[in-house]
N, C-alpha and C. Protein backbone atom coordinates (compact mmCIF):
# COMPACT_ATOMS: atom_id res chain seq x y z
N MET A 1 81.68 88.92 96.42
CA MET A 1 82.20 90.23 96.03
C MET A 1 81.09 91.07 95.42
N ASP A 2 81.04 92.34 95.80
CA ASP A 2 80.01 93.23 95.27
C ASP A 2 80.22 93.48 93.78
N SER A 3 79.12 93.68 93.07
CA SER A 3 79.21 94.02 91.66
C SER A 3 79.77 95.43 91.50
N GLU A 4 80.22 95.76 90.30
CA GLU A 4 80.74 97.10 90.05
C GLU A 4 79.69 98.16 90.36
N TYR A 5 78.46 97.87 90.01
CA TYR A 5 77.39 98.85 90.26
C TYR A 5 77.22 99.08 91.75
N GLU A 6 77.30 98.02 92.55
CA GLU A 6 77.17 98.17 94.00
C GLU A 6 78.32 98.99 94.56
N VAL A 7 79.52 98.78 94.05
CA VAL A 7 80.67 99.56 94.51
C VAL A 7 80.47 101.03 94.14
N LYS A 8 79.97 101.29 92.94
CA LYS A 8 79.71 102.67 92.53
C LYS A 8 78.69 103.32 93.47
N LYS A 9 77.67 102.58 93.85
CA LYS A 9 76.68 103.10 94.80
C LYS A 9 77.33 103.42 96.15
N GLN A 10 78.21 102.54 96.60
CA GLN A 10 78.90 102.76 97.87
C GLN A 10 79.77 104.01 97.80
N ILE A 11 80.45 104.22 96.68
CA ILE A 11 81.26 105.42 96.51
C ILE A 11 80.39 106.67 96.63
N CYS A 12 79.22 106.63 96.00
CA CYS A 12 78.30 107.77 96.07
C CYS A 12 77.79 107.99 97.49
N GLU A 13 77.53 106.91 98.21
CA GLU A 13 77.06 107.03 99.60
C GLU A 13 78.14 107.62 100.49
N ILE A 14 79.38 107.19 100.31
CA ILE A 14 80.48 107.75 101.11
C ILE A 14 80.70 109.21 100.74
N GLY A 15 80.58 109.53 99.46
CA GLY A 15 80.70 110.92 99.03
C GLY A 15 79.66 111.80 99.71
N LYS A 16 78.45 111.30 99.83
CA LYS A 16 77.39 112.08 100.48
C LYS A 16 77.67 112.23 101.98
N ARG A 17 78.20 111.17 102.61
CA ARG A 17 78.57 111.26 104.03
C ARG A 17 79.63 112.34 104.23
N MET A 18 80.62 112.36 103.35
CA MET A 18 81.67 113.36 103.44
C MET A 18 81.10 114.77 103.29
N TYR A 19 80.20 114.93 102.33
CA TYR A 19 79.60 116.24 102.09
C TYR A 19 78.72 116.67 103.27
N ASP A 20 77.91 115.74 103.77
CA ASP A 20 77.00 116.05 104.87
C ASP A 20 77.74 116.35 106.16
N ARG A 21 78.93 115.77 106.33
CA ARG A 21 79.71 115.98 107.55
C ARG A 21 80.72 117.13 107.40
N ASN A 22 80.56 117.92 106.35
CA ASN A 22 81.39 119.11 106.16
C ASN A 22 82.86 118.76 105.96
N MET A 23 83.11 117.62 105.34
CA MET A 23 84.48 117.22 105.03
C MET A 23 84.92 117.72 103.66
N VAL A 24 83.98 118.12 102.85
CA VAL A 24 84.28 118.65 101.52
C VAL A 24 83.32 119.80 101.23
N ALA A 25 83.76 120.73 100.41
CA ALA A 25 82.92 121.84 99.96
C ALA A 25 82.95 121.88 98.44
N ALA A 26 81.84 122.33 97.86
CA ALA A 26 81.76 122.43 96.40
C ALA A 26 82.17 121.10 95.76
N ASN A 27 83.21 121.13 94.91
CA ASN A 27 83.63 119.92 94.19
C ASN A 27 84.87 119.27 94.78
N ASP A 28 85.21 119.60 96.01
CA ASP A 28 86.42 119.09 96.64
C ASP A 28 86.37 117.59 96.86
N GLY A 29 87.56 117.01 97.07
CA GLY A 29 87.69 115.63 97.51
C GLY A 29 87.61 114.62 96.38
N ASN A 30 88.03 113.41 96.68
CA ASN A 30 87.92 112.31 95.72
C ASN A 30 88.00 110.97 96.43
N ILE A 31 87.46 109.95 95.77
CA ILE A 31 87.34 108.61 96.34
C ILE A 31 87.71 107.60 95.26
N SER A 32 88.38 106.53 95.64
CA SER A 32 88.65 105.46 94.69
C SER A 32 88.57 104.11 95.40
N VAL A 33 88.26 103.08 94.61
CA VAL A 33 88.19 101.71 95.12
C VAL A 33 88.84 100.78 94.10
N ARG A 34 89.73 99.95 94.57
CA ARG A 34 90.36 98.95 93.70
C ARG A 34 89.46 97.73 93.64
N ILE A 35 88.97 97.41 92.44
CA ILE A 35 87.98 96.32 92.32
C ILE A 35 88.63 95.00 91.90
N ASN A 36 89.85 95.05 91.38
CA ASN A 36 90.60 93.84 91.07
C ASN A 36 92.08 94.21 90.92
N GLU A 37 92.88 93.30 90.43
CA GLU A 37 94.32 93.55 90.35
C GLU A 37 94.69 94.65 89.36
N GLN A 38 93.79 94.95 88.44
CA GLN A 38 94.14 95.88 87.38
C GLN A 38 93.24 97.11 87.26
N GLU A 39 92.10 97.14 87.95
CA GLU A 39 91.12 98.19 87.71
C GLU A 39 90.70 98.92 88.98
N ILE A 40 90.42 100.20 88.82
CA ILE A 40 90.01 101.07 89.91
C ILE A 40 88.79 101.87 89.50
N LEU A 41 87.83 101.98 90.38
CA LEU A 41 86.69 102.89 90.19
C LEU A 41 87.00 104.17 90.96
N CYS A 42 86.71 105.32 90.36
CA CYS A 42 87.06 106.58 91.01
C CYS A 42 86.04 107.67 90.70
N THR A 43 86.01 108.66 91.57
CA THR A 43 85.12 109.80 91.37
C THR A 43 85.68 110.71 90.27
N PRO A 44 84.80 111.39 89.54
CA PRO A 44 85.25 112.27 88.45
C PRO A 44 85.63 113.66 88.96
N THR A 45 86.29 114.39 88.13
CA THR A 45 86.64 115.76 88.46
C THR A 45 85.43 116.68 88.28
N GLY A 46 85.41 117.76 89.05
CA GLY A 46 84.44 118.82 88.84
C GLY A 46 83.01 118.52 89.23
N VAL A 47 82.82 117.59 90.19
CA VAL A 47 81.45 117.31 90.67
C VAL A 47 81.43 117.31 92.19
N SER A 48 80.30 117.70 92.75
CA SER A 48 80.14 117.67 94.20
C SER A 48 80.00 116.23 94.66
N LYS A 49 80.72 115.87 95.70
CA LYS A 49 80.64 114.51 96.23
C LYS A 49 79.32 114.25 96.94
N GLY A 50 78.55 115.30 97.19
CA GLY A 50 77.27 115.12 97.85
C GLY A 50 76.11 114.83 96.92
N PHE A 51 76.35 114.91 95.60
CA PHE A 51 75.24 114.78 94.65
C PHE A 51 75.56 113.81 93.52
N MET A 52 76.43 112.86 93.78
CA MET A 52 76.80 111.90 92.74
C MET A 52 75.78 110.76 92.63
N THR A 53 75.71 110.18 91.44
CA THR A 53 74.99 108.94 91.20
C THR A 53 75.98 107.96 90.56
N PRO A 54 75.67 106.66 90.54
CA PRO A 54 76.62 105.68 90.01
C PRO A 54 77.10 105.99 88.58
N GLU A 55 76.30 106.68 87.82
CA GLU A 55 76.67 106.98 86.44
C GLU A 55 77.85 107.95 86.35
N TYR A 56 78.15 108.63 87.47
CA TYR A 56 79.27 109.58 87.48
C TYR A 56 80.63 108.87 87.55
N ILE A 57 80.65 107.66 88.08
CA ILE A 57 81.92 107.01 88.45
C ILE A 57 82.69 106.51 87.23
N CYS A 58 84.00 106.75 87.25
CA CYS A 58 84.88 106.36 86.14
C CYS A 58 85.66 105.09 86.51
N LYS A 59 86.14 104.41 85.47
CA LYS A 59 87.00 103.24 85.67
C LYS A 59 88.34 103.48 84.98
N VAL A 60 89.42 103.21 85.70
CA VAL A 60 90.77 103.39 85.16
C VAL A 60 91.61 102.17 85.48
N ASP A 61 92.78 102.08 84.81
CA ASP A 61 93.71 101.02 85.18
C ASP A 61 94.71 101.57 86.19
N LEU A 62 95.66 100.74 86.60
CA LEU A 62 96.58 101.13 87.66
C LEU A 62 97.60 102.19 87.23
N LYS A 63 97.62 102.49 85.94
CA LYS A 63 98.48 103.58 85.47
C LYS A 63 97.69 104.86 85.23
N GLY A 64 96.39 104.80 85.52
CA GLY A 64 95.55 105.97 85.36
C GLY A 64 94.92 106.12 84.00
N ASN A 65 95.11 105.14 83.13
CA ASN A 65 94.49 105.20 81.81
C ASN A 65 93.00 104.95 81.92
N LEU A 66 92.21 105.77 81.24
CA LEU A 66 90.76 105.65 81.30
C LEU A 66 90.28 104.39 80.58
N ILE A 67 89.49 103.60 81.27
CA ILE A 67 88.89 102.40 80.69
C ILE A 67 87.43 102.66 80.33
N GLU A 68 86.72 103.36 81.23
CA GLU A 68 85.28 103.56 81.00
C GLU A 68 84.81 104.79 81.76
N ALA A 69 84.01 105.61 81.08
CA ALA A 69 83.38 106.78 81.71
C ALA A 69 82.25 107.25 80.83
N ASN A 70 81.19 107.71 81.44
CA ASN A 70 80.08 108.26 80.67
C ASN A 70 80.47 109.64 80.13
N PRO A 71 79.83 110.08 79.03
CA PRO A 71 80.15 111.38 78.44
C PRO A 71 80.06 112.50 79.48
N GLY A 72 81.05 113.38 79.45
CA GLY A 72 81.06 114.51 80.37
C GLY A 72 81.81 114.26 81.66
N PHE A 73 82.28 113.03 81.87
CA PHE A 73 82.99 112.70 83.11
C PHE A 73 84.39 112.19 82.81
N LYS A 74 85.35 112.62 83.64
CA LYS A 74 86.72 112.13 83.54
C LYS A 74 87.32 112.10 84.93
N PRO A 75 88.32 111.24 85.15
CA PRO A 75 88.89 111.10 86.49
C PRO A 75 89.51 112.40 87.00
N SER A 76 89.53 112.53 88.31
CA SER A 76 90.15 113.68 88.95
C SER A 76 91.66 113.68 88.71
N SER A 77 92.23 114.87 88.61
CA SER A 77 93.68 114.98 88.46
C SER A 77 94.40 114.50 89.72
N GLU A 78 93.68 114.41 90.84
CA GLU A 78 94.27 113.93 92.08
C GLU A 78 94.43 112.41 92.08
N LEU A 79 93.99 111.75 91.01
CA LEU A 79 94.10 110.30 90.94
C LEU A 79 95.54 109.82 91.10
N LYS A 80 96.50 110.65 90.69
CA LYS A 80 97.92 110.27 90.82
C LYS A 80 98.25 109.88 92.26
N MET A 81 97.67 110.62 93.20
CA MET A 81 97.91 110.36 94.62
C MET A 81 97.36 108.98 95.01
N HIS A 82 96.17 108.67 94.55
CA HIS A 82 95.56 107.38 94.84
C HIS A 82 96.40 106.25 94.24
N LEU A 83 96.82 106.43 92.99
CA LEU A 83 97.58 105.38 92.31
C LEU A 83 98.88 105.07 93.04
N ARG A 84 99.51 106.10 93.61
CA ARG A 84 100.75 105.86 94.34
C ARG A 84 100.49 105.02 95.59
N VAL A 85 99.38 105.28 96.26
CA VAL A 85 99.04 104.48 97.44
C VAL A 85 98.83 103.03 97.05
N TYR A 86 98.09 102.79 95.97
CA TYR A 86 97.86 101.41 95.53
C TYR A 86 99.17 100.73 95.10
N GLU A 87 100.04 101.50 94.49
CA GLU A 87 101.32 100.96 94.03
C GLU A 87 102.18 100.50 95.20
N GLU A 88 102.17 101.27 96.27
CA GLU A 88 103.06 100.99 97.40
C GLU A 88 102.43 100.15 98.51
N ARG A 89 101.11 100.01 98.48
CA ARG A 89 100.42 99.26 99.53
C ARG A 89 99.46 98.25 98.90
N GLU A 90 99.90 97.01 98.74
CA GLU A 90 99.06 96.00 98.12
C GLU A 90 97.84 95.66 98.96
N ASP A 91 97.91 95.95 100.26
CA ASP A 91 96.79 95.65 101.14
C ASP A 91 95.66 96.67 101.02
N VAL A 92 95.92 97.81 100.40
CA VAL A 92 94.92 98.88 100.32
C VAL A 92 93.95 98.63 99.17
N LYS A 93 92.66 98.73 99.48
CA LYS A 93 91.62 98.54 98.47
C LYS A 93 90.80 99.80 98.23
N ALA A 94 90.99 100.84 99.05
CA ALA A 94 90.22 102.08 98.88
C ALA A 94 91.00 103.26 99.44
N VAL A 95 90.85 104.41 98.78
CA VAL A 95 91.52 105.64 99.19
C VAL A 95 90.49 106.76 99.22
N VAL A 96 90.55 107.58 100.26
CA VAL A 96 89.61 108.70 100.43
C VAL A 96 90.40 109.97 100.73
N HIS A 97 90.13 111.02 99.97
CA HIS A 97 90.77 112.31 100.20
C HIS A 97 89.69 113.37 100.39
N ALA A 98 89.87 114.22 101.40
CA ALA A 98 88.88 115.26 101.69
C ALA A 98 89.55 116.44 102.37
N HIS A 99 88.75 117.46 102.68
CA HIS A 99 89.24 118.65 103.36
C HIS A 99 88.44 118.89 104.64
N PRO A 100 88.42 117.94 105.56
CA PRO A 100 87.69 118.12 106.81
C PRO A 100 88.23 119.33 107.57
N VAL A 101 87.32 120.09 108.18
CA VAL A 101 87.68 121.42 108.69
C VAL A 101 88.82 121.39 109.70
N TYR A 102 88.71 120.58 110.74
CA TYR A 102 89.73 120.60 111.80
C TYR A 102 91.04 119.98 111.33
N ALA A 103 90.96 118.86 110.65
CA ALA A 103 92.19 118.24 110.14
C ALA A 103 92.90 119.17 109.16
N THR A 104 92.13 119.83 108.31
CA THR A 104 92.73 120.74 107.34
C THR A 104 93.30 121.98 108.02
N THR A 105 92.68 122.40 109.13
CA THR A 105 93.22 123.51 109.91
C THR A 105 94.64 123.19 110.38
N PHE A 106 94.85 121.96 110.86
CA PHE A 106 96.19 121.55 111.25
C PHE A 106 97.09 121.44 110.03
N ALA A 107 96.54 120.94 108.92
CA ALA A 107 97.34 120.76 107.71
C ALA A 107 97.87 122.09 107.18
N ILE A 108 97.02 123.11 107.17
CA ILE A 108 97.45 124.40 106.63
C ILE A 108 98.36 125.14 107.61
N SER A 109 98.37 124.68 108.85
CA SER A 109 99.28 125.24 109.85
C SER A 109 100.59 124.47 109.90
N GLY A 110 100.65 123.38 109.13
CA GLY A 110 101.86 122.56 109.12
C GLY A 110 102.09 121.80 110.39
N ILE A 111 100.99 121.48 111.11
CA ILE A 111 101.10 120.81 112.41
C ILE A 111 100.57 119.38 112.30
N PRO A 112 101.42 118.38 112.47
CA PRO A 112 100.94 116.99 112.44
C PRO A 112 100.16 116.67 113.72
N LEU A 113 99.35 115.64 113.66
CA LEU A 113 98.57 115.22 114.84
C LEU A 113 99.38 114.17 115.59
N THR A 114 100.26 114.63 116.45
CA THR A 114 101.19 113.72 117.12
C THR A 114 100.98 113.61 118.62
N GLN A 115 100.18 114.49 119.20
CA GLN A 115 100.01 114.45 120.66
C GLN A 115 99.13 113.27 121.07
N PRO A 116 99.62 112.41 121.95
CA PRO A 116 98.82 111.27 122.41
C PRO A 116 97.84 111.71 123.49
N VAL A 117 96.62 112.02 123.08
CA VAL A 117 95.65 112.56 124.02
C VAL A 117 94.37 111.74 124.11
N MET A 118 94.12 110.88 123.13
CA MET A 118 92.90 110.07 123.12
C MET A 118 93.27 108.60 122.98
N THR A 119 92.73 107.76 123.84
CA THR A 119 93.07 106.34 123.75
C THR A 119 92.68 105.76 122.39
N GLU A 120 91.50 106.11 121.89
CA GLU A 120 91.03 105.56 120.62
C GLU A 120 91.94 105.97 119.47
N ALA A 121 92.38 107.23 119.48
CA ALA A 121 93.26 107.71 118.42
C ALA A 121 94.61 107.03 118.47
N VAL A 122 95.12 106.81 119.67
CA VAL A 122 96.41 106.13 119.82
C VAL A 122 96.33 104.71 119.28
N VAL A 123 95.24 104.03 119.58
CA VAL A 123 95.08 102.64 119.13
C VAL A 123 94.82 102.57 117.63
N SER A 124 93.95 103.42 117.12
CA SER A 124 93.55 103.31 115.71
C SER A 124 94.52 103.98 114.75
N LEU A 125 95.11 105.10 115.16
CA LEU A 125 95.95 105.88 114.26
C LEU A 125 97.42 105.93 114.66
N GLY A 126 97.69 105.85 115.95
CA GLY A 126 99.04 106.10 116.44
C GLY A 126 99.26 107.59 116.47
N TYR A 127 99.61 108.14 115.34
CA TYR A 127 99.57 109.58 115.13
C TYR A 127 99.48 109.82 113.63
N VAL A 128 99.27 111.07 113.25
CA VAL A 128 99.01 111.39 111.85
C VAL A 128 100.05 112.40 111.38
N PRO A 129 100.99 111.97 110.52
CA PRO A 129 102.03 112.88 110.04
C PRO A 129 101.49 113.85 108.99
N THR A 130 102.29 114.85 108.68
CA THR A 130 101.93 115.82 107.64
C THR A 130 102.90 115.69 106.47
N ALA A 131 102.37 115.34 105.31
CA ALA A 131 103.18 115.27 104.09
C ALA A 131 103.52 116.69 103.64
N ARG A 132 104.71 116.86 103.13
CA ARG A 132 105.19 118.19 102.73
C ARG A 132 104.32 118.81 101.64
N PHE A 133 104.39 120.12 101.52
CA PHE A 133 103.61 120.85 100.53
C PHE A 133 103.93 120.36 99.11
N ALA A 134 102.87 120.23 98.31
CA ALA A 134 103.04 119.81 96.92
C ALA A 134 102.01 120.54 96.07
N ARG A 135 102.40 120.92 94.87
CA ARG A 135 101.48 121.61 93.98
C ARG A 135 100.41 120.65 93.49
N PRO A 136 99.13 121.03 93.58
CA PRO A 136 98.04 120.15 93.15
C PRO A 136 98.20 119.71 91.70
N SER A 137 97.79 118.48 91.45
CA SER A 137 97.75 117.89 90.11
C SER A 137 99.12 117.58 89.53
N THR A 138 100.19 117.75 90.31
CA THR A 138 101.52 117.42 89.83
C THR A 138 102.01 116.14 90.49
N MET A 139 103.13 115.62 90.00
CA MET A 139 103.71 114.43 90.61
C MET A 139 104.32 114.72 91.97
N GLU A 140 104.38 115.99 92.33
CA GLU A 140 104.86 116.33 93.67
C GLU A 140 103.94 115.74 94.74
N VAL A 141 102.66 115.65 94.43
CA VAL A 141 101.69 115.16 95.41
C VAL A 141 101.95 113.69 95.76
N PRO A 142 101.95 112.77 94.77
CA PRO A 142 102.24 111.38 95.13
C PRO A 142 103.64 111.20 95.72
N ASP A 143 104.60 112.00 95.28
CA ASP A 143 105.94 111.89 95.85
C ASP A 143 105.94 112.26 97.33
N ALA A 144 105.16 113.29 97.69
CA ALA A 144 105.07 113.69 99.10
C ALA A 144 104.35 112.63 99.92
N VAL A 145 103.30 112.07 99.36
CA VAL A 145 102.53 111.02 100.04
C VAL A 145 103.39 109.78 100.27
N SER A 146 104.25 109.49 99.30
CA SER A 146 105.08 108.28 99.34
C SER A 146 105.94 108.20 100.59
N GLU A 147 106.29 109.33 101.16
CA GLU A 147 107.17 109.36 102.32
C GLU A 147 106.55 108.67 103.53
N TYR A 148 105.21 108.66 103.62
CA TYR A 148 104.54 108.14 104.81
C TYR A 148 103.60 106.95 104.54
N VAL A 149 103.32 106.67 103.29
CA VAL A 149 102.26 105.72 102.99
C VAL A 149 102.58 104.31 103.49
N GLN A 150 103.86 103.95 103.58
CA GLN A 150 104.22 102.61 104.05
C GLN A 150 104.11 102.46 105.57
N LYS A 151 104.09 103.59 106.27
CA LYS A 151 104.15 103.53 107.73
C LYS A 151 102.84 103.88 108.43
N PHE A 152 101.94 104.55 107.72
CA PHE A 152 100.70 105.03 108.33
C PHE A 152 99.52 104.77 107.40
N ASP A 153 98.31 104.78 107.98
CA ASP A 153 97.09 104.59 107.21
C ASP A 153 96.35 105.90 106.96
N ALA A 154 96.92 107.01 107.42
CA ALA A 154 96.32 108.32 107.19
C ALA A 154 97.39 109.38 107.35
N MET A 155 97.18 110.50 106.67
CA MET A 155 98.13 111.61 106.80
C MET A 155 97.42 112.91 106.45
N LEU A 156 98.00 114.01 106.94
CA LEU A 156 97.59 115.33 106.52
C LEU A 156 98.44 115.72 105.31
N LEU A 157 97.89 116.56 104.46
CA LEU A 157 98.60 117.08 103.31
C LEU A 157 98.78 118.58 103.52
N GLU A 158 100.00 119.03 103.67
CA GLU A 158 100.26 120.41 104.04
C GLU A 158 99.55 121.40 103.11
N SER A 159 98.82 122.33 103.72
CA SER A 159 98.07 123.38 103.00
C SER A 159 97.03 122.80 102.06
N HIS A 160 96.55 121.59 102.36
CA HIS A 160 95.65 120.93 101.41
C HIS A 160 94.48 120.22 102.09
N GLY A 161 94.75 119.15 102.83
CA GLY A 161 93.64 118.40 103.41
C GLY A 161 94.12 117.14 104.10
N ALA A 162 93.37 116.06 103.94
CA ALA A 162 93.71 114.80 104.61
C ALA A 162 93.51 113.63 103.66
N LEU A 163 94.23 112.56 103.91
CA LEU A 163 94.19 111.36 103.08
C LEU A 163 94.13 110.14 103.98
N ALA A 164 93.24 109.18 103.64
CA ALA A 164 93.15 107.94 104.41
C ALA A 164 92.91 106.79 103.45
N TYR A 165 93.33 105.60 103.85
CA TYR A 165 93.24 104.44 102.96
C TYR A 165 93.20 103.18 103.82
N ALA A 166 92.56 102.12 103.28
CA ALA A 166 92.38 100.92 104.08
C ALA A 166 92.01 99.75 103.17
N ASP A 167 91.66 98.63 103.80
CA ASP A 167 91.34 97.42 103.06
C ASP A 167 89.89 97.37 102.57
N SER A 168 89.13 98.40 102.83
CA SER A 168 87.77 98.52 102.30
C SER A 168 87.39 100.00 102.27
N LEU A 169 86.39 100.33 101.48
CA LEU A 169 85.98 101.72 101.39
C LEU A 169 85.44 102.23 102.72
N MET A 170 84.64 101.44 103.40
CA MET A 170 84.10 101.88 104.68
C MET A 170 85.21 102.10 105.69
N ASN A 171 86.19 101.20 105.73
CA ASN A 171 87.29 101.36 106.67
C ASN A 171 88.13 102.59 106.35
N ALA A 172 88.32 102.87 105.07
CA ALA A 172 89.06 104.08 104.69
C ALA A 172 88.32 105.33 105.13
N TYR A 173 87.01 105.33 104.91
CA TYR A 173 86.21 106.48 105.34
C TYR A 173 86.23 106.63 106.86
N MET A 174 86.08 105.52 107.59
CA MET A 174 86.11 105.58 109.05
C MET A 174 87.45 106.09 109.55
N LYS A 175 88.52 105.74 108.85
CA LYS A 175 89.84 106.24 109.22
C LYS A 175 89.87 107.76 109.07
N LEU A 176 89.30 108.26 107.98
CA LEU A 176 89.24 109.71 107.76
C LEU A 176 88.41 110.39 108.85
N GLU A 177 87.30 109.78 109.20
CA GLU A 177 86.44 110.32 110.25
C GLU A 177 87.20 110.37 111.58
N SER A 178 87.99 109.34 111.86
CA SER A 178 88.78 109.30 113.10
C SER A 178 89.83 110.41 113.11
N VAL A 179 90.45 110.67 111.97
CA VAL A 179 91.43 111.75 111.88
C VAL A 179 90.76 113.09 112.20
N GLU A 180 89.60 113.32 111.62
CA GLU A 180 88.91 114.59 111.85
C GLU A 180 88.49 114.73 113.31
N PHE A 181 88.00 113.67 113.92
CA PHE A 181 87.57 113.73 115.32
C PHE A 181 88.77 113.99 116.23
N TYR A 182 89.87 113.32 115.96
CA TYR A 182 91.11 113.52 116.70
C TYR A 182 91.54 114.99 116.60
N ALA A 183 91.51 115.53 115.39
CA ALA A 183 91.91 116.93 115.19
C ALA A 183 90.98 117.89 115.93
N GLN A 184 89.70 117.62 115.91
CA GLN A 184 88.74 118.49 116.59
C GLN A 184 88.96 118.48 118.10
N ILE A 185 89.13 117.29 118.67
CA ILE A 185 89.37 117.18 120.11
C ILE A 185 90.66 117.89 120.49
N LEU A 186 91.70 117.69 119.69
CA LEU A 186 92.99 118.32 119.99
C LEU A 186 92.88 119.84 119.90
N TYR A 187 92.20 120.33 118.88
CA TYR A 187 92.01 121.78 118.72
C TYR A 187 91.26 122.37 119.91
N GLN A 188 90.16 121.74 120.28
CA GLN A 188 89.33 122.29 121.34
C GLN A 188 90.02 122.18 122.70
N SER A 189 90.78 121.13 122.93
CA SER A 189 91.48 121.00 124.21
C SER A 189 92.55 122.07 124.36
N ARG A 190 93.11 122.51 123.23
CA ARG A 190 94.10 123.58 123.29
C ARG A 190 93.46 124.90 123.71
N LEU A 191 92.20 125.07 123.41
CA LEU A 191 91.50 126.28 123.83
C LEU A 191 91.32 126.33 125.34
N LEU A 192 91.37 125.16 125.97
CA LEU A 192 91.21 125.07 127.42
C LEU A 192 92.55 125.07 128.15
N GLY A 193 93.59 125.39 127.42
CA GLY A 193 94.90 125.47 128.05
C GLY A 193 95.84 124.36 127.67
N GLY A 194 95.37 123.45 126.83
CA GLY A 194 96.23 122.36 126.38
C GLY A 194 95.80 121.03 126.94
N PRO A 195 95.91 119.96 126.15
CA PRO A 195 95.49 118.64 126.62
C PRO A 195 96.49 118.02 127.57
N LYS A 196 96.03 117.11 128.38
CA LYS A 196 96.91 116.30 129.21
C LYS A 196 97.32 115.09 128.39
N GLU A 197 98.59 115.00 128.06
CA GLU A 197 99.06 113.91 127.21
C GLU A 197 99.22 112.62 128.01
N LEU A 198 99.01 111.51 127.31
CA LEU A 198 99.29 110.20 127.89
C LEU A 198 100.80 110.05 128.05
N THR A 199 101.23 109.28 129.03
CA THR A 199 102.66 109.04 129.23
C THR A 199 103.17 108.05 128.18
N LYS A 200 104.47 107.97 128.03
CA LYS A 200 105.07 107.00 127.11
C LYS A 200 104.67 105.58 127.47
N GLU A 201 104.61 105.33 128.79
CA GLU A 201 104.23 103.99 129.25
C GLU A 201 102.78 103.68 128.86
N GLN A 202 101.89 104.66 129.03
CA GLN A 202 100.49 104.47 128.66
C GLN A 202 100.34 104.26 127.15
N VAL A 203 101.12 105.01 126.37
CA VAL A 203 101.07 104.85 124.91
C VAL A 203 101.52 103.44 124.52
N GLU A 204 102.60 102.97 125.12
CA GLU A 204 103.09 101.63 124.80
C GLU A 204 102.07 100.57 125.21
N GLU A 205 101.39 100.77 126.32
CA GLU A 205 100.34 99.83 126.74
C GLU A 205 99.21 99.80 125.72
N LEU A 206 98.86 100.96 125.17
CA LEU A 206 97.81 101.02 124.15
C LEU A 206 98.27 100.38 122.85
N TYR A 207 99.55 100.54 122.53
CA TYR A 207 100.09 99.87 121.35
C TYR A 207 99.99 98.36 121.51
N GLU A 208 100.24 97.88 122.74
CA GLU A 208 100.14 96.45 123.00
C GLU A 208 98.69 95.97 122.85
N VAL A 209 97.75 96.82 123.27
CA VAL A 209 96.33 96.50 123.06
C VAL A 209 96.05 96.32 121.58
N ARG A 210 96.56 97.23 120.76
CA ARG A 210 96.35 97.12 119.31
C ARG A 210 96.95 95.83 118.76
N ARG A 211 98.18 95.52 119.19
CA ARG A 211 98.82 94.30 118.70
C ARG A 211 98.01 93.06 119.07
N ASN A 212 97.46 93.05 120.26
CA ASN A 212 96.66 91.90 120.71
C ASN A 212 95.35 91.78 119.96
N LEU A 213 94.84 92.90 119.47
CA LEU A 213 93.59 92.90 118.71
C LEU A 213 93.80 92.50 117.25
N ASN A 214 95.06 92.42 116.83
CA ASN A 214 95.40 92.04 115.45
C ASN A 214 94.72 92.95 114.42
N ILE A 215 94.73 94.24 114.69
CA ILE A 215 94.13 95.20 113.77
C ILE A 215 95.00 95.32 112.53
N THR A 216 94.37 95.30 111.36
CA THR A 216 95.12 95.38 110.11
C THR A 216 95.58 96.81 109.83
N GLY A 217 96.47 96.97 108.88
CA GLY A 217 96.96 98.28 108.49
C GLY A 217 98.34 98.55 109.04
N ARG A 218 98.83 99.78 108.83
CA ARG A 218 100.16 100.17 109.28
C ARG A 218 100.04 101.16 110.43
N HIS A 219 100.92 101.00 111.43
CA HIS A 219 100.76 101.74 112.69
C HIS A 219 102.09 101.70 113.43
N PRO A 220 102.43 102.72 114.20
CA PRO A 220 103.67 102.69 114.97
C PRO A 220 103.81 101.48 115.88
N ALA A 221 102.71 100.90 116.30
CA ALA A 221 102.76 99.72 117.18
C ALA A 221 103.38 98.51 116.47
N ASN A 222 103.37 98.51 115.16
CA ASN A 222 103.89 97.39 114.41
C ASN A 222 105.37 97.53 114.07
N ARG A 223 106.00 98.60 114.55
CA ARG A 223 107.40 98.82 114.23
C ARG A 223 108.26 98.70 115.51
């Protein structure tokens, strides 16, 4: 198991990837990693995810109580959303929230990513629902997330952004990257007159591929 310092470094590296790939602007977004049964490392409020160092990272318990943070740093108010995911999904070890351009474009339009147009997206994501609008920093956010967290590994947040979670930080980030790529392809194909959707039979065949691969996480293929 990686040391806490190594996990903090990984959080900073993923934050920089998100910033460099235009998934966050200014101080947007947040990242958390569950390091044991009781403790979580998370990004602080009010800092750019592209310029963090390990000293920025805070430690909290599963109720959000601060355990450790350097002077001047405190957990993001969006931590409530992360805590709800950990509460409802024992298999989840990391949560990533960002505002990727294409995925957020669909989110602010209230359009879920449901069209089966890419084999990879069908296998890895199934589809990506949109959680209802919630006021930032309130309990409305985790309550909205709760509606889908048991059934999917990623979702859009209406008028807000995107959320992804998995059994490792890298897998959570890759899930977010897949959501953004799916959204970009879907957006651009609509400019060409609309995508050609896979048939129900083709979708079910791809679900069977996923089941045979024993991919972890939650997905329509498992229901």
